[in-house]
Amino acid sequence: MRSSLDKTGGTGFFDSMPEITLDDVRTLLVDNCMLRVQPGEIEPGALLFGPGSLGLDSIDALQLTVGIEKSYGIAIKEPAVAREAFHSVETLREWLNRQPRQNSSSA
């Protein structure tokens, strides 16, 4: 089942892009949000915001958005899209892998 956030039709150039891994997302979080943990310590199901989460705030969301655009060429312009994509580490990974990418520093 496709999410309302899917932007690809499933064919074309972007399908050949390497998959973004959990380790990629963990590193993205640590590097852009200045988390004081090692990337491997972050669980896939870890929430990004709210009680019992990694403790990110609105500044972290902005930094993460900029980091995603720099690393993968994916712009997040809609707050509703950000809320869904930034739910957890795993939902962010899944969302990123569904988006067309123009460049990837992790390739």
PDB file of N, CA and C in Angstrom:
ATOM      1  N   MET A   1       0.842  -1.178   0.000  1.00  0.00           N
ATOM      2  CA  MET A   1       0.000   0.000   0.000  1.00  0.00           C
ATOM      3  C   MET A   1       0.890   1.244   0.000  1.00  0.00           C
ATOM      4  N   ARG A   2       0.589   2.175  -0.886  1.00  0.00           N
ATOM      5  CA  ARG A   2       1.363   3.404  -1.000  1.00  0.00           C
ATOM      6  C   ARG A   2       0.868   4.446  -0.014  1.00  0.00           C
ATOM      7  N   SER A   3       1.799   5.177   0.562  1.00  0.00           N
ATOM      8  CA  SER A   3       1.472   6.283   1.455  1.00  0.00           C
ATOM      9  C   SER A   3       1.151   7.515   0.635  1.00  0.00           C
ATOM     10  N   SER A   4       0.436   8.436   1.233  1.00  0.00           N
ATOM     11  CA  SER A   4       0.153   9.698   0.562  1.00  0.00           C
ATOM     12  C   SER A   4       1.432  10.498   0.336  1.00  0.00           C
ATOM     13  N   LEU A   5       2.531  10.074   0.950  1.00  0.00           N
ATOM     14  CA  LEU A   5       3.793  10.787   0.806  1.00  0.00           C
ATOM     15  C   LEU A   5       4.630  10.289  -0.355  1.00  0.00           C
ATOM     16  N   ASP A   6       4.253   9.177  -0.971  1.00  0.00           N
ATOM     17  CA  ASP A   6       5.021   8.639  -2.076  1.00  0.00           C
ATOM     18  C   ASP A   6       5.013   9.601  -3.247  1.00  0.00           C
ATOM     19  N   LYS A   7       6.182   9.825  -3.818  1.00  0.00           N
ATOM     20  CA  LYS A   7       6.311  10.751  -4.934  1.00  0.00           C
ATOM     21  C   LYS A   7       6.765  10.041  -6.202  1.00  0.00           C
ATOM     22  N   THR A   8       7.067   8.769  -6.138  1.00  0.00           N
ATOM     23  CA  THR A   8       7.592   8.077  -7.302  1.00  0.00           C
ATOM     24  C   THR A   8       6.541   7.193  -7.919  1.00  0.00           C
ATOM     25  N   GLY A   9       6.718   6.934  -9.178  1.00  0.00           N
ATOM     26  CA  GLY A   9       5.824   6.035  -9.897  1.00  0.00           C
ATOM     27  C   GLY A   9       6.367   4.630  -9.974  1.00  0.00           C
ATOM     28  N   GLY A  10       7.581   4.416  -9.479  1.00  0.00           N
ATOM     29  CA  GLY A  10       8.136   3.070  -9.451  1.00  0.00           C
ATOM     30  C   GLY A  10       8.977   2.732 -10.664  1.00  0.00           C
ATOM     31  N   THR A  11       9.225   3.675 -11.563  1.00  0.00           N
ATOM     32  CA  THR A  11      10.053   3.406 -12.718  1.00  0.00           C
ATOM     33  C   THR A  11      11.007   4.556 -12.932  1.00  0.00           C
ATOM     34  N   GLY A  12      12.089   4.272 -13.640  1.00  0.00           N
ATOM     35  CA  GLY A  12      12.977   5.345 -14.023  1.00  0.00           C
ATOM     36  C   GLY A  12      14.307   5.337 -13.309  1.00  0.00           C
ATOM     37  N   PHE A  13      15.031   6.434 -13.503  1.00  0.00           N
ATOM     38  CA  PHE A  13      16.390   6.591 -13.017  1.00  0.00           C
ATOM     39  C   PHE A  13      16.527   6.402 -11.521  1.00  0.00           C
ATOM     40  N   PHE A  14      15.608   6.947 -10.748  1.00  0.00           N
ATOM     41  CA  PHE A  14      15.753   6.951  -9.296  1.00  0.00           C
ATOM     42  C   PHE A  14      15.627   5.564  -8.674  1.00  0.00           C
ATOM     43  N   ASP A  15      15.028   4.600  -9.396  1.00  0.00           N
ATOM     44  CA  ASP A  15      14.913   3.253  -8.855  1.00  0.00           C
ATOM     45  C   ASP A  15      16.271   2.589  -8.683  1.00  0.00           C
ATOM     46  N   SER A  16      17.295   3.071  -9.416  1.00  0.00           N
ATOM     47  CA  SER A  16      18.611   2.450  -9.341  1.00  0.00           C
ATOM     48  C   SER A  16      19.470   3.028  -8.212  1.00  0.00           C
ATOM     49  N   MET A  17      18.954   3.998  -7.482  1.00  0.00           N
ATOM     50  CA  MET A  17      19.705   4.600  -6.387  1.00  0.00           C
ATOM     51  C   MET A  17      19.845   3.584  -5.252  1.00  0.00           C
ATOM     52  N   PRO A  18      21.008   3.572  -4.586  1.00  0.00           N
ATOM     53  CA  PRO A  18      21.190   2.634  -3.484  1.00  0.00           C
ATOM     54  C   PRO A  18      20.221   2.921  -2.336  1.00  0.00           C
ATOM     55  N   GLU A  19      19.797   1.861  -1.685  1.00  0.00           N
ATOM     56  CA  GLU A  19      18.873   2.014  -0.564  1.00  0.00           C
ATOM     57  C   GLU A  19      19.563   2.703   0.606  1.00  0.00           C
ATOM     58  N   ILE A  20      18.813   3.576   1.253  1.00  0.00           N
ATOM     59  CA  ILE A  20      19.296   4.232   2.461  1.00  0.00           C
ATOM     60  C   ILE A  20      19.079   3.262   3.612  1.00  0.00           C
ATOM     61  N   THR A  21      20.138   2.958   4.342  1.00  0.00           N
ATOM     62  CA  THR A  21      20.077   1.962   5.410  1.00  0.00           C
ATOM     63  C   THR A  21      19.764   2.622   6.759  1.00  0.00           C
ATOM     64  N   LEU A  22      19.460   1.789   7.738  1.00  0.00           N
ATOM     65  CA  LEU A  22      19.273   2.297   9.100  1.00  0.00           C
ATOM     66  C   LEU A  22      20.534   2.986   9.594  1.00  0.00           C
ATOM     67  N   ASP A  23      21.689   2.432   9.268  1.00  0.00           N
ATOM     68  CA  ASP A  23      22.941   3.063   9.679  1.00  0.00           C
ATOM     69  C   ASP A  23      23.089   4.444   9.058  1.00  0.00           C
ATOM     70  N   ASP A  24      22.661   4.598   7.793  1.00  0.00           N
ATOM     71  CA  ASP A  24      22.702   5.916   7.150  1.00  0.00           C
ATOM     72  C   ASP A  24      21.838   6.913   7.918  1.00  0.00           C
ATOM     73  N   VAL A  25      20.637   6.492   8.292  1.00  0.00           N
ATOM     74  CA  VAL A  25      19.714   7.377   9.004  1.00  0.00           C
ATOM     75  C   VAL A  25      20.239   7.686  10.397  1.00  0.00           C
ATOM     76  N   ARG A  26      20.761   6.681  11.071  1.00  0.00           N
ATOM     77  CA  ARG A  26      21.326   6.909  12.405  1.00  0.00           C
ATOM     78  C   ARG A  26      22.463   7.929  12.344  1.00  0.00           C
ATOM     79  N   THR A  27      23.343   7.787  11.371  1.00  0.00           N
ATOM     80  CA  THR A  27      24.462   8.718  11.211  1.00  0.00           C
ATOM     81  C   THR A  27      23.956  10.113  10.865  1.00  0.00           C
ATOM     82  N   LEU A  28      22.962  10.191  10.006  1.00  0.00           N
ATOM     83  CA  LEU A  28      22.349  11.473   9.657  1.00  0.00           C
ATOM     84  C   LEU A  28      21.819  12.172  10.905  1.00  0.00           C
ATOM     85  N   LEU A  29      21.147  11.424  11.767  1.00  0.00           N
ATOM     86  CA  LEU A  29      20.603  11.985  13.006  1.00  0.00           C
ATOM     87  C   LEU A  29      21.710  12.477  13.936  1.00  0.00           C
ATOM     88  N   VAL A  30      22.723  11.652  14.154  1.00  0.00           N
ATOM     89  CA  VAL A  30      23.809  12.022  15.067  1.00  0.00           C
ATOM     90  C   VAL A  30      24.561  13.239  14.530  1.00  0.00           C
ATOM     91  N   ASP A  31      24.843  13.245  13.234  1.00  0.00           N
ATOM     92  CA  ASP A  31      25.618  14.338  12.643  1.00  0.00           C
ATOM     93  C   ASP A  31      24.848  15.652  12.601  1.00  0.00           C
ATOM     94  N   ASN A  32      23.560  15.600  12.318  1.00  0.00           N
ATOM     95  CA  ASN A  32      22.791  16.830  12.130  1.00  0.00           C
ATOM     96  C   ASN A  32      22.105  17.321  13.396  1.00  0.00           C
ATOM     97  N   CYS A  33      21.835  16.435  14.322  1.00  0.00           N
ATOM     98  CA  CYS A  33      21.115  16.823  15.537  1.00  0.00           C
ATOM     99  C   CYS A  33      22.013  16.811  16.764  1.00  0.00           C
ATOM    100  N   MET A  34      23.285  16.577  16.552  1.00  0.00           N
ATOM    101  CA  MET A  34      24.276  16.600  17.618  1.00  0.00           C
ATOM    102  C   MET A  34      23.877  15.726  18.802  1.00  0.00           C
ATOM    103  N   LEU A  35      23.387  14.540  18.493  1.00  0.00           N
ATOM    104  CA  LEU A  35      23.037  13.596  19.551  1.00  0.00           C
ATOM    105  C   LEU A  35      24.320  13.089  20.199  1.00  0.00           C
ATOM    106  N   ARG A  36      24.271  12.863  21.480  1.00  0.00           N
ATOM    107  CA  ARG A  36      25.444  12.406  22.226  1.00  0.00           C
ATOM    108  C   ARG A  36      25.399  10.905  22.435  1.00  0.00           C
ATOM    109  N   VAL A  37      25.150  10.202  21.351  1.00  0.00           N
ATOM    110  CA  VAL A  37      25.157   8.742  21.341  1.00  0.00           C
ATOM    111  C   VAL A  37      25.875   8.289  20.082  1.00  0.00           C
ATOM    112  N   GLN A  38      26.295   7.042  20.088  1.00  0.00           N
ATOM    113  CA  GLN A  38      26.859   6.455  18.880  1.00  0.00           C
ATOM    114  C   GLN A  38      25.706   6.049  17.965  1.00  0.00           C
ATOM    115  N   PRO A  39      25.869   6.168  16.654  1.00  0.00           N
ATOM    116  CA  PRO A  39      24.774   5.805  15.744  1.00  0.00           C
ATOM    117  C   PRO A  39      24.197   4.413  16.002  1.00  0.00           C
ATOM    118  N   GLY A  40      25.050   3.446  16.293  1.00  0.00           N
ATOM    119  CA  GLY A  40      24.600   2.077  16.527  1.00  0.00           C
ATOM    120  C   GLY A  40      23.742   1.894  17.774  1.00  0.00           C
ATOM    121  N   GLU A  41      23.747   2.884  18.666  1.00  0.00           N
ATOM    122  CA  GLU A  41      22.950   2.810  19.888  1.00  0.00           C
ATOM    123  C   GLU A  41      21.493   3.201  19.658  1.00  0.00           C
ATOM    124  N   ILE A  42      21.186   3.760  18.493  1.00  0.00           N
ATOM    125  CA  ILE A  42      19.828   4.229  18.212  1.00  0.00           C
ATOM    126  C   ILE A  42      19.007   3.085  17.644  1.00  0.00           C
ATOM    127  N   GLU A  43      17.920   2.767  18.323  1.00  0.00           N
ATOM    128  CA  GLU A  43      17.039   1.670  17.903  1.00  0.00           C
ATOM    129  C   GLU A  43      16.203   2.081  16.690  1.00  0.00           C
ATOM    130  N   PRO A  44      15.890   1.145  15.784  1.00  0.00           N
ATOM    131  CA  PRO A  44      15.074   1.459  14.612  1.00  0.00           C
ATOM    132  C   PRO A  44      13.710   2.058  14.964  1.00  0.00           C
ATOM    133  N   GLY A  45      13.122   1.596  16.037  1.00  0.00           N
ATOM    134  CA  GLY A  45      11.803   2.074  16.428  1.00  0.00           C
ATOM    135  C   GLY A  45      11.823   3.322  17.293  1.00  0.00           C
ATOM    136  N   ALA A  46      13.007   3.868  17.544  1.00  0.00           N
ATOM    137  CA  ALA A  46      13.117   5.052  18.406  1.00  0.00           C
ATOM    138  C   ALA A  46      12.343   6.217  17.810  1.00  0.00           C
ATOM    139  N   LEU A  47      11.478   6.799  18.642  1.00  0.00           N
ATOM    140  CA  LEU A  47      10.749   7.994  18.220  1.00  0.00           C
ATOM    141  C   LEU A  47      11.711   9.163  18.174  1.00  0.00           C
ATOM    142  N   LEU A  48      11.473  10.091  17.257  1.00  0.00           N
ATOM    143  CA  LEU A  48      12.353  11.245  17.143  1.00  0.00           C
ATOM    144  C   LEU A  48      11.942  12.381  18.069  1.00  0.00           C
ATOM    145  N   PHE A  49      10.619  12.547  18.283  1.00  0.00           N
ATOM    146  CA  PHE A  49      10.082  13.654  19.085  1.00  0.00           C
ATOM    147  C   PHE A  49       9.127  13.131  20.146  1.00  0.00           C
ATOM    148  N   GLY A  50       8.958  13.906  21.194  1.00  0.00           N
ATOM    149  CA  GLY A  50       7.969  13.582  22.215  1.00  0.00           C
ATOM    150  C   GLY A  50       8.525  12.752  23.350  1.00  0.00           C
ATOM    151  N   PRO A  51       7.633  12.378  24.292  1.00  0.00           N
ATOM    152  CA  PRO A  51       8.035  11.578  25.452  1.00  0.00           C
ATOM    153  C   PRO A  51       8.619  10.230  25.034  1.00  0.00           C
ATOM    154  N   GLY A  52       9.686   9.830  25.685  1.00  0.00           N
ATOM    155  CA  GLY A  52      10.310   8.540  25.408  1.00  0.00           C
ATOM    156  C   GLY A  52      11.033   8.488  24.067  1.00  0.00           C
ATOM    157  N   SER A  53      11.370   9.657  23.530  1.00  0.00           N
ATOM    158  CA  SER A  53      11.996   9.729  22.210  1.00  0.00           C
ATOM    159  C   SER A  53      13.487  10.042  22.333  1.00  0.00           C
ATOM    160  N   LEU A  54      14.103  10.325  21.192  1.00  0.00           N
ATOM    161  CA  LEU A  54      15.489  10.774  21.175  1.00  0.00           C
ATOM    162  C   LEU A  54      15.627  12.198  21.682  1.00  0.00           C
ATOM    163  N   GLY A  55      14.485  12.866  21.868  1.00  0.00           N
ATOM    164  CA  GLY A  55      14.490  14.203  22.446  1.00  0.00           C
ATOM    165  C   GLY A  55      14.757  15.322  21.454  1.00  0.00           C
ATOM    166  N   LEU A  56      14.461  15.101  20.188  1.00  0.00           N
ATOM    167  CA  LEU A  56      14.673  16.159  19.204  1.00  0.00           C
ATOM    168  C   LEU A  56      13.661  17.280  19.420  1.00  0.00           C
ATOM    169  N   ASP A  57      14.066  18.488  19.021  1.00  0.00           N
ATOM    170  CA  ASP A  57      13.180  19.645  19.123  1.00  0.00           C
ATOM    171  C   ASP A  57      13.046  20.302  17.747  1.00  0.00           C
ATOM    172  N   SER A  58      12.413  21.456  17.684  1.00  0.00           N
ATOM    173  CA  SER A  58      12.152  22.107  16.400  1.00  0.00           C
ATOM    174  C   SER A  58      13.441  22.516  15.685  1.00  0.00           C
ATOM    175  N   ILE A  59      14.457  22.897  16.434  1.00  0.00           N
ATOM    176  CA  ILE A  59      15.745  23.232  15.814  1.00  0.00           C
ATOM    177  C   ILE A  59      16.354  21.988  15.178  1.00  0.00           C
ATOM    178  N   ASP A  60      16.262  20.856  15.878  1.00  0.00           N
ATOM    179  CA  ASP A  60      16.760  19.590  15.325  1.00  0.00           C
ATOM    180  C   ASP A  60      16.004  19.222  14.048  1.00  0.00           C
ATOM    181  N   ALA A  61      14.693  19.465  14.036  1.00  0.00           N
ATOM    182  CA  ALA A  61      13.900  19.164  12.844  1.00  0.00           C
ATOM    183  C   ALA A  61      14.392  19.977  11.658  1.00  0.00           C
ATOM    184  N   LEU A  62      14.691  21.237  11.894  1.00  0.00           N
ATOM    185  CA  LEU A  62      15.207  22.094  10.834  1.00  0.00           C
ATOM    186  C   LEU A  62      16.576  21.603  10.364  1.00  0.00           C
ATOM    187  N   GLN A  63      17.451  21.283  11.304  1.00  0.00           N
ATOM    188  CA  GLN A  63      18.782  20.789  10.950  1.00  0.00           C
ATOM    189  C   GLN A  63      18.695  19.461  10.196  1.00  0.00           C
ATOM    190  N   LEU A  64      17.802  18.597  10.618  1.00  0.00           N
ATOM    191  CA  LEU A  64      17.619  17.319   9.951  1.00  0.00           C
ATOM    192  C   LEU A  64      17.091  17.517   8.534  1.00  0.00           C
ATOM    193  N   THR A  65      16.148  18.438   8.372  1.00  0.00           N
ATOM    194  CA  THR A  65      15.605  18.742   7.050  1.00  0.00           C
ATOM    195  C   THR A  65      16.704  19.230   6.112  1.00  0.00           C
ATOM    196  N   VAL A  66      17.557  20.120   6.592  1.00  0.00           N
ATOM    197  CA  VAL A  66      18.670  20.631   5.790  1.00  0.00           C
ATOM    198  C   VAL A  66      19.657  19.498   5.478  1.00  0.00           C
ATOM    199  N   GLY A  67      19.944  18.652   6.458  1.00  0.00           N
ATOM    200  CA  GLY A  67      20.855  17.526   6.256  1.00  0.00           C
ATOM    201  C   GLY A  67      20.338  16.552   5.208  1.00  0.00           C
ATOM    202  N   ILE A  68      19.035  16.296   5.204  1.00  0.00           N
ATOM    203  CA  ILE A  68      18.430  15.402   4.210  1.00  0.00           C
ATOM    204  C   ILE A  68      18.558  16.011   2.816  1.00  0.00           C
ATOM    205  N   GLU A  69      18.306  17.304   2.716  1.00  0.00           N
ATOM    206  CA  GLU A  69      18.411  17.954   1.411  1.00  0.00           C
ATOM    207  C   GLU A  69      19.856  17.946   0.906  1.00  0.00           C
ATOM    208  N   LYS A  70      20.815  18.206   1.793  1.00  0.00           N
ATOM    209  CA  LYS A  70      22.226  18.193   1.394  1.00  0.00           C
ATOM    210  C   LYS A  70      22.698  16.790   1.023  1.00  0.00           C
ATOM    211  N   SER A  71      22.316  15.806   1.808  1.00  0.00           N
ATOM    212  CA  SER A  71      22.806  14.448   1.602  1.00  0.00           C
ATOM    213  C   SER A  71      22.127  13.720   0.451  1.00  0.00           C
ATOM    214  N   TYR A  72      20.820  13.955   0.282  1.00  0.00           N
ATOM    215  CA  TYR A  72      20.050  13.152  -0.663  1.00  0.00           C
ATOM    216  C   TYR A  72      19.307  13.958  -1.723  1.00  0.00           C
ATOM    217  N   GLY A  73      19.357  15.282  -1.639  1.00  0.00           N
ATOM    218  CA  GLY A  73      18.649  16.099  -2.617  1.00  0.00           C
ATOM    219  C   GLY A  73      17.149  16.036  -2.472  1.00  0.00           C
ATOM    220  N   ILE A  74      16.676  15.687  -1.279  1.00  0.00           N
ATOM    221  CA  ILE A  74      15.248  15.575  -1.011  1.00  0.00           C
ATOM    222  C   ILE A  74      14.817  16.751  -0.147  1.00  0.00           C
ATOM    223  N   ALA A  75      13.908  17.556  -0.685  1.00  0.00           N
ATOM    224  CA  ALA A  75      13.409  18.711   0.061  1.00  0.00           C
ATOM    225  C   ALA A  75      12.103  18.342   0.760  1.00  0.00           C
ATOM    226  N   ILE A  76      11.968  18.740   2.007  1.00  0.00           N
ATOM    227  CA  ILE A  76      10.739  18.543   2.765  1.00  0.00           C
ATOM    228  C   ILE A  76      10.169  19.931   3.009  1.00  0.00           C
ATOM    229  N   LYS A  77       9.087  20.255   2.326  1.00  0.00           N
ATOM    230  CA  LYS A  77       8.528  21.599   2.410  1.00  0.00           C
ATOM    231  C   LYS A  77       7.192  21.649   3.147  1.00  0.00           C
ATOM    232  N   GLU A  78       6.526  20.528   3.274  1.00  0.00           N
ATOM    233  CA  GLU A  78       5.208  20.480   3.907  1.00  0.00           C
ATOM    234  C   GLU A  78       5.323  19.984   5.346  1.00  0.00           C
ATOM    235  N   PRO A  79       4.791  20.719   6.325  1.00  0.00           N
ATOM    236  CA  PRO A  79       4.843  20.267   7.720  1.00  0.00           C
ATOM    237  C   PRO A  79       4.201  18.893   7.939  1.00  0.00           C
ATOM    238  N   ALA A  80       3.128  18.598   7.234  1.00  0.00           N
ATOM    239  CA  ALA A  80       2.469  17.297   7.391  1.00  0.00           C
ATOM    240  C   ALA A  80       3.377  16.166   6.919  1.00  0.00           C
ATOM    241  N   VAL A  81       4.133  16.407   5.863  1.00  0.00           N
ATOM    242  CA  VAL A  81       5.080  15.417   5.353  1.00  0.00           C
ATOM    243  C   VAL A  81       6.172  15.194   6.392  1.00  0.00           C
ATOM    244  N   ALA A  82       6.700  16.273   6.946  1.00  0.00           N
ATOM    245  CA  ALA A  82       7.744  16.157   7.968  1.00  0.00           C
ATOM    246  C   ALA A  82       7.238  15.391   9.184  1.00  0.00           C
ATOM    247  N   ARG A  83       6.013  15.682   9.621  1.00  0.00           N
ATOM    248  CA  ARG A  83       5.467  14.982  10.804  1.00  0.00           C
ATOM    249  C   ARG A  83       5.388  13.482  10.560  1.00  0.00           C
ATOM    250  N   GLU A  84       4.953  13.077   9.389  1.00  0.00           N
ATOM    251  CA  GLU A  84       4.853  11.645   9.104  1.00  0.00           C
ATOM    252  C   GLU A  84       6.238  11.022   8.943  1.00  0.00           C
ATOM    253  N   ALA A  85       7.108  11.664   8.189  1.00  0.00           N
ATOM    254  CA  ALA A  85       8.439  11.108   7.923  1.00  0.00           C
ATOM    255  C   ALA A  85       9.297  11.065   9.175  1.00  0.00           C
ATOM    256  N   PHE A  86       9.150  12.057  10.057  1.00  0.00           N
ATOM    257  CA  PHE A  86       9.986  12.162  11.246  1.00  0.00           C
ATOM    258  C   PHE A  86       9.390  11.469  12.467  1.00  0.00           C
ATOM    259  N   HIS A  87       8.510  10.521  12.274  1.00  0.00           N
ATOM    260  CA  HIS A  87       7.910   9.811  13.410  1.00  0.00           C
ATOM    261  C   HIS A  87       8.966   9.000  14.180  1.00  0.00           C
ATOM    262  N   SER A  88       9.681   8.144  13.464  1.00  0.00           N
ATOM    263  CA  SER A  88      10.695   7.302  14.100  1.00  0.00           C
ATOM    264  C   SER A  88      11.868   7.130  13.144  1.00  0.00           C
ATOM    265  N   VAL A  89      12.918   6.501  13.623  1.00  0.00           N
ATOM    266  CA  VAL A  89      14.082   6.232  12.790  1.00  0.00           C
ATOM    267  C   VAL A  89      13.668   5.393  11.590  1.00  0.00           C
ATOM    268  N   GLU A  90      12.910   4.349  11.822  1.00  0.00           N
ATOM    269  CA  GLU A  90      12.493   3.448  10.743  1.00  0.00           C
ATOM    270  C   GLU A  90      11.544   4.129   9.762  1.00  0.00           C
ATOM    271  N   THR A  91      10.601   4.933  10.250  1.00  0.00           N
ATOM    272  CA  THR A  91       9.692   5.598   9.308  1.00  0.00           C
ATOM    273  C   THR A  91      10.456   6.611   8.459  1.00  0.00           C
ATOM    274  N   LEU A  92      11.470   7.239   9.015  1.00  0.00           N
ATOM    275  CA  LEU A  92      12.285   8.163   8.237  1.00  0.00           C
ATOM    276  C   LEU A  92      13.039   7.401   7.150  1.00  0.00           C
ATOM    277  N   ARG A  93      13.618   6.267   7.494  1.00  0.00           N
ATOM    278  CA  ARG A  93      14.337   5.451   6.504  1.00  0.00           C
ATOM    279  C   ARG A  93      13.393   5.018   5.379  1.00  0.00           C
ATOM    280  N   GLU A  94      12.220   4.521   5.757  1.00  0.00           N
ATOM    281  CA  GLU A  94      11.255   4.072   4.753  1.00  0.00           C
ATOM    282  C   GLU A  94      10.832   5.219   3.846  1.00  0.00           C
ATOM    283  N   TRP A  95      10.553   6.376   4.442  1.00  0.00           N
ATOM    284  CA  TRP A  95      10.122   7.527   3.658  1.00  0.00           C
ATOM    285  C   TRP A  95      11.223   7.981   2.703  1.00  0.00           C
ATOM    286  N   LEU A  96      12.453   8.061   3.205  1.00  0.00           N
ATOM    287  CA  LEU A  96      13.572   8.475   2.353  1.00  0.00           C
ATOM    288  C   LEU A  96      13.745   7.545   1.160  1.00  0.00           C
ATOM    289  N   ASN A  97      13.580   6.258   1.380  1.00  0.00           N
ATOM    290  CA  ASN A  97      13.757   5.297   0.290  1.00  0.00           C
ATOM    291  C   ASN A  97      12.649   5.368  -0.752  1.00  0.00           C
ATOM    292  N   ARG A  98      11.536   5.992  -0.430  1.00  0.00           N
ATOM    293  CA  ARG A  98      10.448   6.146  -1.403  1.00  0.00           C
ATOM    294  C   ARG A  98      10.567   7.425  -2.232  1.00  0.00           C
ATOM    295  N   GLN A  99      11.513   8.294  -1.875  1.00  0.00           N
ATOM    296  CA  GLN A  99      11.627   9.582  -2.547  1.00  0.00           C
ATOM    297  C   GLN A  99      12.659   9.542  -3.663  1.00  0.00           C
ATOM    298  N   PRO A 100      12.417  10.301  -4.735  1.00  0.00           N
ATOM    299  CA  PRO A 100      13.451  10.429  -5.767  1.00  0.00           C
ATOM    300  C   PRO A 100      14.629  11.232  -5.220  1.00  0.00           C
ATOM    301  N   ARG A 101      15.823  10.796  -5.532  1.00  0.00           N
ATOM    302  CA  ARG A 101      17.018  11.481  -5.042  1.00  0.00           C
ATOM    303  C   ARG A 101      17.823  12.010  -6.213  1.00  0.00           C
ATOM    304  N   GLN A 102      18.347  13.212  -6.048  1.00  0.00           N
ATOM    305  CA  GLN A 102      19.149  13.828  -7.097  1.00  0.00           C
ATOM    306  C   GLN A 102      20.622  13.574  -6.894  1.00  0.00           C
ATOM    307  N   ASN A 103      21.036  13.428  -5.669  1.00  0.00           N
ATOM    308  CA  ASN A 103      22.432  13.113  -5.354  1.00  0.00           C
ATOM    309  C   ASN A 103      22.454  12.374  -4.042  1.00  0.00           C
ATOM    310  N   SER A 104      23.519  11.634  -3.799  1.00  0.00           N
ATOM    311  CA  SER A 104      23.613  10.904  -2.541  1.00  0.00           C
ATOM    312  C   SER A 104      25.059  10.832  -2.117  1.00  0.00           C
ATOM    313  N   SER A 105      25.364  11.419  -0.976  1.00  0.00           N
ATOM    314  CA  SER A 105      26.727  11.377  -0.488  1.00  0.00           C
ATOM    315  C   SER A 105      27.064  10.022   0.114  1.00  0.00           C
ATOM    316  N   SER A 106      26.041   9.179   0.338  1.00  0.00           N
ATOM    317  CA  SER A 106      26.297   7.867   0.943  1.00  0.00           C
ATOM    318  C   SER A 106      26.453   6.779  -0.103  1.00  0.00           C
ATOM    319  N   ALA A 107      26.401   7.146  -1.384  1.00  0.00           N
ATOM    320  CA  ALA A 107      26.503   6.146  -2.459  1.00  0.00           C
ATOM    321  C   ALA A 107      27.937   5.748  -2.667  1.00  0.00           C
TER     322      ALA A 107
END
